[in-house]
Amino acid sequence: MHFDIIVPSSLQNPTSVCEFGLKYLKKKEILIKEFSSKESTLCHIERASKEVETEILKEGYFIIEMENCN
């Protein structure tokens, strides 16, 4: 499973980002014991689309499903 967690550039706390990942996995009914920055890396920084910005303002993050997320 591969997904990107998109957050505002002002969010510098890896623990918060990991909590967003756990929240996403819980919505998918996937229970895991640990999700930490060891399992994830900073990929890139870019300007978000309006759709992504709107969701970040609403939820604090946005998930882009990349591989095996269904």
N, C-alpha and C. Protein backbone atom coordinates (compact mmCIF):
# COMPACT_ATOMS: atom_id res chain seq x y z
N MET A 1 0.86 -1.18 0.00
CA MET A 1 0.00 0.00 0.00
C MET A 1 0.90 1.23 0.00
N HIS A 2 0.57 2.16 -0.86
CA HIS A 2 1.36 3.39 -0.97
C HIS A 2 0.40 4.56 -1.11
N PHE A 3 0.53 5.51 -0.20
CA PHE A 3 -0.26 6.73 -0.28
C PHE A 3 0.55 7.90 0.22
N ASP A 4 0.22 9.07 -0.29
CA ASP A 4 0.89 10.29 0.15
C ASP A 4 -0.01 11.04 1.11
N ILE A 5 0.58 11.58 2.15
CA ILE A 5 -0.13 12.42 3.11
C ILE A 5 0.30 13.85 2.83
N ILE A 6 -0.64 14.66 2.37
CA ILE A 6 -0.34 16.05 2.02
C ILE A 6 -0.75 16.94 3.20
N VAL A 7 0.17 17.75 3.67
CA VAL A 7 -0.08 18.64 4.80
C VAL A 7 0.44 20.03 4.46
N PRO A 8 0.00 21.04 5.21
CA PRO A 8 0.54 22.39 4.99
C PRO A 8 2.04 22.42 5.30
N SER A 9 2.77 23.25 4.60
CA SER A 9 4.21 23.35 4.84
C SER A 9 4.53 23.82 6.25
N SER A 10 3.56 24.45 6.90
CA SER A 10 3.78 24.91 8.28
C SER A 10 3.76 23.78 9.29
N LEU A 11 3.25 22.62 8.91
CA LEU A 11 3.19 21.47 9.82
C LEU A 11 4.52 20.74 9.78
N GLN A 12 5.30 20.86 10.83
CA GLN A 12 6.64 20.28 10.87
C GLN A 12 6.74 19.09 11.82
N ASN A 13 5.63 18.70 12.45
CA ASN A 13 5.64 17.63 13.44
C ASN A 13 5.36 16.28 12.78
N PRO A 14 6.37 15.41 12.66
CA PRO A 14 6.17 14.11 12.03
C PRO A 14 5.11 13.25 12.73
N THR A 15 4.98 13.40 14.03
CA THR A 15 3.98 12.63 14.77
C THR A 15 2.57 12.98 14.31
N SER A 16 2.31 14.25 14.09
CA SER A 16 0.99 14.67 13.60
C SER A 16 0.71 14.09 12.23
N VAL A 17 1.70 14.10 11.36
CA VAL A 17 1.53 13.56 10.02
C VAL A 17 1.23 12.06 10.11
N CYS A 18 1.93 11.35 10.97
CA CYS A 18 1.69 9.92 11.15
C CYS A 18 0.29 9.66 11.70
N GLU A 19 -0.19 10.52 12.57
CA GLU A 19 -1.56 10.38 13.08
C GLU A 19 -2.57 10.51 11.96
N PHE A 20 -2.33 11.39 10.99
CA PHE A 20 -3.20 11.50 9.82
C PHE A 20 -3.18 10.19 9.03
N GLY A 21 -2.00 9.58 8.91
CA GLY A 21 -1.90 8.30 8.22
C GLY A 21 -2.69 7.22 8.92
N LEU A 22 -2.62 7.17 10.24
CA LEU A 22 -3.39 6.20 11.01
C LEU A 22 -4.89 6.43 10.85
N LYS A 23 -5.29 7.69 10.84
CA LYS A 23 -6.70 8.02 10.66
C LYS A 23 -7.19 7.53 9.30
N TYR A 24 -6.39 7.75 8.27
CA TYR A 24 -6.73 7.28 6.93
C TYR A 24 -6.87 5.76 6.91
N LEU A 25 -5.90 5.06 7.48
CA LEU A 25 -5.94 3.60 7.49
C LEU A 25 -7.14 3.08 8.26
N LYS A 26 -7.50 3.74 9.33
CA LYS A 26 -8.67 3.34 10.11
C LYS A 26 -9.94 3.48 9.26
N LYS A 27 -10.04 4.57 8.48
CA LYS A 27 -11.18 4.75 7.58
C LYS A 27 -11.26 3.61 6.57
N LYS A 28 -10.11 3.09 6.16
CA LYS A 28 -10.05 1.98 5.21
C LYS A 28 -10.23 0.63 5.91
N GLU A 29 -10.42 0.67 7.22
CA GLU A 29 -10.57 -0.52 8.06
C GLU A 29 -9.31 -1.39 8.03
N ILE A 30 -8.17 -0.73 8.00
CA ILE A 30 -6.89 -1.41 8.07
C ILE A 30 -6.27 -1.06 9.41
N LEU A 31 -6.13 -2.06 10.25
CA LEU A 31 -5.57 -1.84 11.57
C LEU A 31 -4.11 -2.27 11.59
N ILE A 32 -3.25 -1.37 12.02
CA ILE A 32 -1.84 -1.69 12.14
C ILE A 32 -1.38 -1.31 13.54
N LYS A 33 -0.28 -1.92 13.96
CA LYS A 33 0.24 -1.65 15.30
C LYS A 33 1.05 -0.37 15.36
N GLU A 34 1.77 -0.09 14.29
CA GLU A 34 2.66 1.08 14.32
C GLU A 34 2.69 1.75 12.95
N PHE A 35 2.71 3.04 12.99
CA PHE A 35 2.89 3.85 11.78
C PHE A 35 3.74 5.03 12.23
N SER A 36 4.94 5.09 11.74
CA SER A 36 5.84 6.16 12.19
C SER A 36 6.62 6.71 11.01
N SER A 37 7.42 7.69 11.29
CA SER A 37 8.22 8.30 10.23
C SER A 37 9.25 7.31 9.67
N LYS A 38 9.46 6.18 10.33
CA LYS A 38 10.35 5.15 9.79
C LYS A 38 9.76 4.54 8.51
N GLU A 39 8.43 4.47 8.47
CA GLU A 39 7.75 3.89 7.31
C GLU A 39 7.48 4.91 6.22
N SER A 40 7.77 6.16 6.48
CA SER A 40 7.47 7.20 5.49
C SER A 40 8.64 8.16 5.35
N THR A 41 8.64 8.85 4.21
CA THR A 41 9.69 9.83 3.96
C THR A 41 9.08 11.05 3.27
N LEU A 42 9.74 12.15 3.39
CA LEU A 42 9.33 13.36 2.68
C LEU A 42 9.67 13.16 1.21
N CYS A 43 8.65 13.19 0.37
CA CYS A 43 8.86 12.99 -1.07
C CYS A 43 9.20 14.28 -1.78
N HIS A 44 8.32 15.26 -1.64
CA HIS A 44 8.51 16.49 -2.38
C HIS A 44 7.60 17.58 -1.83
N ILE A 45 7.87 18.78 -2.27
CA ILE A 45 7.05 19.93 -1.88
C ILE A 45 6.58 20.60 -3.16
N GLU A 46 5.29 20.86 -3.24
CA GLU A 46 4.73 21.56 -4.40
C GLU A 46 3.47 22.29 -4.00
N ARG A 47 3.02 23.16 -4.85
CA ARG A 47 1.79 23.92 -4.63
C ARG A 47 0.60 22.99 -4.82
N ALA A 48 -0.31 23.01 -3.85
CA ALA A 48 -1.49 22.15 -3.89
C ALA A 48 -2.57 22.75 -4.80
N SER A 49 -3.38 21.87 -5.38
CA SER A 49 -4.52 22.32 -6.18
C SER A 49 -5.58 22.89 -5.24
N LYS A 50 -6.55 23.57 -5.81
CA LYS A 50 -7.65 24.15 -5.00
C LYS A 50 -8.39 23.05 -4.24
N GLU A 51 -8.64 21.90 -4.88
CA GLU A 51 -9.32 20.77 -4.23
C GLU A 51 -8.56 20.31 -2.99
N VAL A 52 -7.24 20.17 -3.14
CA VAL A 52 -6.40 19.73 -2.04
C VAL A 52 -6.37 20.79 -0.94
N GLU A 53 -6.21 22.05 -1.31
CA GLU A 53 -6.20 23.14 -0.32
C GLU A 53 -7.49 23.16 0.48
N THR A 54 -8.62 22.99 -0.20
CA THR A 54 -9.92 23.00 0.48
C THR A 54 -10.00 21.87 1.50
N GLU A 55 -9.55 20.68 1.12
CA GLU A 55 -9.60 19.53 2.02
C GLU A 55 -8.64 19.72 3.20
N ILE A 56 -7.48 20.29 2.95
CA ILE A 56 -6.52 20.55 4.03
C ILE A 56 -7.11 21.55 5.02
N LEU A 57 -7.76 22.58 4.53
CA LEU A 57 -8.40 23.55 5.43
C LEU A 57 -9.50 22.89 6.26
N LYS A 58 -10.19 21.93 5.67
CA LYS A 58 -11.29 21.24 6.36
C LYS A 58 -10.78 20.18 7.34
N GLU A 59 -9.86 19.32 6.88
CA GLU A 59 -9.43 18.15 7.66
C GLU A 59 -8.02 18.29 8.27
N GLY A 60 -7.22 19.20 7.73
CA GLY A 60 -5.85 19.33 8.21
C GLY A 60 -4.85 18.57 7.35
N TYR A 61 -5.35 17.72 6.45
CA TYR A 61 -4.48 16.92 5.59
C TYR A 61 -5.27 16.45 4.37
N PHE A 62 -4.56 15.85 3.41
CA PHE A 62 -5.19 15.27 2.23
C PHE A 62 -4.41 14.02 1.87
N ILE A 63 -5.10 12.97 1.48
CA ILE A 63 -4.46 11.72 1.09
C ILE A 63 -4.55 11.55 -0.43
N ILE A 64 -3.41 11.22 -1.03
CA ILE A 64 -3.40 10.83 -2.44
C ILE A 64 -3.09 9.33 -2.45
N GLU A 65 -4.06 8.55 -2.91
CA GLU A 65 -3.88 7.11 -2.99
C GLU A 65 -3.04 6.78 -4.22
N MET A 66 -1.94 6.08 -4.01
CA MET A 66 -1.00 5.80 -5.09
C MET A 66 -1.09 4.35 -5.57
N GLU A 67 -0.90 3.38 -4.68
CA GLU A 67 -0.88 1.98 -5.07
C GLU A 67 -1.58 1.11 -4.02
N ASN A 68 -2.39 0.16 -4.49
CA ASN A 68 -3.01 -0.86 -3.65
C ASN A 68 -3.80 -0.29 -2.48
N CYS A 69 -4.56 0.78 -2.72
CA CYS A 69 -5.33 1.43 -1.66
C CYS A 69 -6.81 1.05 -1.69
N ASN A 70 -7.23 0.25 -2.65
CA ASN A 70 -8.64 -0.13 -2.74
C ASN A 70 -8.88 -1.50 -2.16
